[in-house]
């Protein structure tokens, strides 16, 4: 590794998956003003929308989200090219 390019201020941080509530602790340099108490210890908190416990690739459960009929809109738009 190159010297002098890596941060020195690593600390333990709690990451919380907001979609399922899973919390895991790891080292990070990310800044945050929020904290979370985990087993009597207070950690800085980073909120995640998706993590390894909720991502379809890792869970094996595919999730199709159709927001405002986007799939139907796509199908109707490109139906004219279908043979």
C-alpha atoms as a PDB file:
ATOM      1  CA  UNK A   1       0.000   0.000   0.000  1.00  0.00           C
ATOM      2  CA  UNK A   2       1.104   3.541  -0.640  1.00  0.00           C
ATOM      3  CA  UNK A   3       2.122   5.521   2.406  1.00  0.00           C
ATOM      4  CA  UNK A   4       0.204   8.637   3.437  1.00  0.00           C
ATOM      5  CA  UNK A   5      -2.944   8.166   1.323  1.00  0.00           C
ATOM      6  CA  UNK A   6      -5.099   6.200   3.772  1.00  0.00           C
ATOM      7  CA  UNK A   7      -7.064   7.852   6.599  1.00  0.00           C
ATOM      8  CA  UNK A   8      -5.831   7.396  10.144  1.00  0.00           C
ATOM      9  CA  UNK A   9      -9.079   8.155  11.994  1.00  0.00           C
ATOM     10  CA  UNK A  10     -10.862   4.787  11.765  1.00  0.00           C
ATOM     11  CA  UNK A  11     -13.331   4.127  14.572  1.00  0.00           C
ATOM     12  CA  UNK A  12     -16.124   1.658  15.286  1.00  0.00           C
ATOM     13  CA  UNK A  13     -19.402   2.763  13.690  1.00  0.00           C
ATOM     14  CA  UNK A  14     -22.894   1.228  13.750  1.00  0.00           C
ATOM     15  CA  UNK A  15     -24.531   0.824  10.343  1.00  0.00           C
ATOM     16  CA  UNK A  16     -28.325   0.375  10.403  1.00  0.00           C
ATOM     17  CA  UNK A  17     -30.307  -0.980   7.466  1.00  0.00           C
ATOM     18  CA  UNK A  18     -33.495   1.103   7.541  1.00  0.00           C
ATOM     19  CA  UNK A  19     -35.478  -1.389   5.441  1.00  0.00           C
ATOM     20  CA  UNK A  20     -35.246  -4.247   7.964  1.00  0.00           C
ATOM     21  CA  UNK A  21     -33.646  -2.766  11.107  1.00  0.00           C
ATOM     22  CA  UNK A  22     -30.477  -4.879  10.963  1.00  0.00           C
ATOM     23  CA  UNK A  23     -27.491  -3.272  12.740  1.00  0.00           C
ATOM     24  CA  UNK A  24     -23.849  -4.198  12.272  1.00  0.00           C
ATOM     25  CA  UNK A  25     -20.671  -2.697  13.700  1.00  0.00           C
ATOM     26  CA  UNK A  26     -17.558  -2.103  11.630  1.00  0.00           C
ATOM     27  CA  UNK A  27     -14.724   0.386  11.339  1.00  0.00           C
ATOM     28  CA  UNK A  28     -15.260   3.525   9.271  1.00  0.00           C
ATOM     29  CA  UNK A  29     -14.159   7.116   8.825  1.00  0.00           C
ATOM     30  CA  UNK A  30     -17.632   8.333   7.794  1.00  0.00           C
ATOM     31  CA  UNK A  31     -18.869  11.432   9.641  1.00  0.00           C
ATOM     32  CA  UNK A  32     -22.227  11.493  11.399  1.00  0.00           C
ATOM     33  CA  UNK A  33     -23.979  13.425  14.151  1.00  0.00           C
ATOM     34  CA  UNK A  34     -26.344  10.606  15.161  1.00  0.00           C
ATOM     35  CA  UNK A  35     -25.519   7.858  17.651  1.00  0.00           C
ATOM     36  CA  UNK A  36     -26.977   4.458  18.500  1.00  0.00           C
ATOM     37  CA  UNK A  37     -26.705   2.428  21.702  1.00  0.00           C
ATOM     38  CA  UNK A  38     -25.774  -1.206  20.946  1.00  0.00           C
ATOM     39  CA  UNK A  39     -25.446  -3.542  23.937  1.00  0.00           C
ATOM     40  CA  UNK A  40     -24.700  -0.650  26.296  1.00  0.00           C
ATOM     41  CA  UNK A  41     -22.072   0.975  24.075  1.00  0.00           C
ATOM     42  CA  UNK A  42     -22.808   4.164  22.122  1.00  0.00           C
ATOM     43  CA  UNK A  43     -21.611   4.204  18.515  1.00  0.00           C
ATOM     44  CA  UNK A  44     -21.849   6.812  15.736  1.00  0.00           C
ATOM     45  CA  UNK A  45     -24.760   5.807  13.463  1.00  0.00           C
ATOM     46  CA  UNK A  46     -24.799   5.586   9.668  1.00  0.00           C
ATOM     47  CA  UNK A  47     -28.211   4.828   8.135  1.00  0.00           C
ATOM     48  CA  UNK A  48     -28.370   2.626   5.033  1.00  0.00           C
ATOM     49  CA  UNK A  49     -31.268   2.131   2.634  1.00  0.00           C
ATOM     50  CA  UNK A  50     -30.072  -1.356   1.681  1.00  0.00           C
ATOM     51  CA  UNK A  51     -27.401  -3.733   2.957  1.00  0.00           C
ATOM     52  CA  UNK A  52     -26.346  -7.346   2.616  1.00  0.00           C
ATOM     53  CA  UNK A  53     -29.293  -8.443   4.767  1.00  0.00           C
ATOM     54  CA  UNK A  54     -31.918  -6.824   2.526  1.00  0.00           C
ATOM     55  CA  UNK A  55     -30.385  -6.761  -0.966  1.00  0.00           C
ATOM     56  CA  UNK A  56     -32.108  -9.239  -3.319  1.00  0.00           C
ATOM     57  CA  UNK A  57     -28.772 -10.556  -4.630  1.00  0.00           C
ATOM     58  CA  UNK A  58     -27.708 -11.711  -1.152  1.00  0.00           C
ATOM     59  CA  UNK A  59     -31.122 -12.775   0.144  1.00  0.00           C
ATOM     60  CA  UNK A  60     -32.149 -14.674  -2.985  1.00  0.00           C
ATOM     61  CA  UNK A  61     -35.513 -12.943  -3.016  1.00  0.00           C
ATOM     62  CA  UNK A  62     -36.146 -10.791  -6.047  1.00  0.00           C
ATOM     63  CA  UNK A  63     -38.341  -7.789  -5.505  1.00  0.00           C
ATOM     64  CA  UNK A  64     -40.057  -6.028  -8.369  1.00  0.00           C
ATOM     65  CA  UNK A  65     -41.016  -2.456  -7.621  1.00  0.00           C
ATOM     66  CA  UNK A  66     -43.357  -0.872 -10.136  1.00  0.00           C
ATOM     67  CA  UNK A  67     -43.506   2.820  -9.368  1.00  0.00           C
ATOM     68  CA  UNK A  68     -46.296   4.680 -11.134  1.00  0.00           C
ATOM     69  CA  UNK A  69     -46.771   1.996 -13.802  1.00  0.00           C
ATOM     70  CA  UNK A  70     -43.278   2.315 -15.267  1.00  0.00           C
ATOM     71  CA  UNK A  71     -43.228  -1.268 -16.469  1.00  0.00           C
ATOM     72  CA  UNK A  72     -46.563  -0.928 -18.274  1.00  0.00           C
ATOM     73  CA  UNK A  73     -45.433   2.356 -19.782  1.00  0.00           C
ATOM     74  CA  UNK A  74     -42.227   0.715 -21.049  1.00  0.00           C
ATOM     75  CA  UNK A  75     -44.104  -2.250 -22.515  1.00  0.00           C
ATOM     76  CA  UNK A  76     -46.609  -0.056 -24.325  1.00  0.00           C
ATOM     77  CA  UNK A  77     -43.866   2.216 -25.658  1.00  0.00           C
ATOM     78  CA  UNK A  78     -41.859  -0.649 -27.154  1.00  0.00           C
ATOM     79  CA  UNK A  79     -44.771  -2.913 -28.171  1.00  0.00           C
ATOM     80  CA  UNK A  80     -44.645  -1.441 -31.678  1.00  0.00           C
ATOM     81  CA  UNK A  81     -41.175  -2.977 -32.219  1.00  0.00           C
ATOM     82  CA  UNK A  82     -42.360  -6.455 -31.254  1.00  0.00           C
ATOM     83  CA  UNK A  83     -42.766  -8.824 -34.215  1.00  0.00           C
END
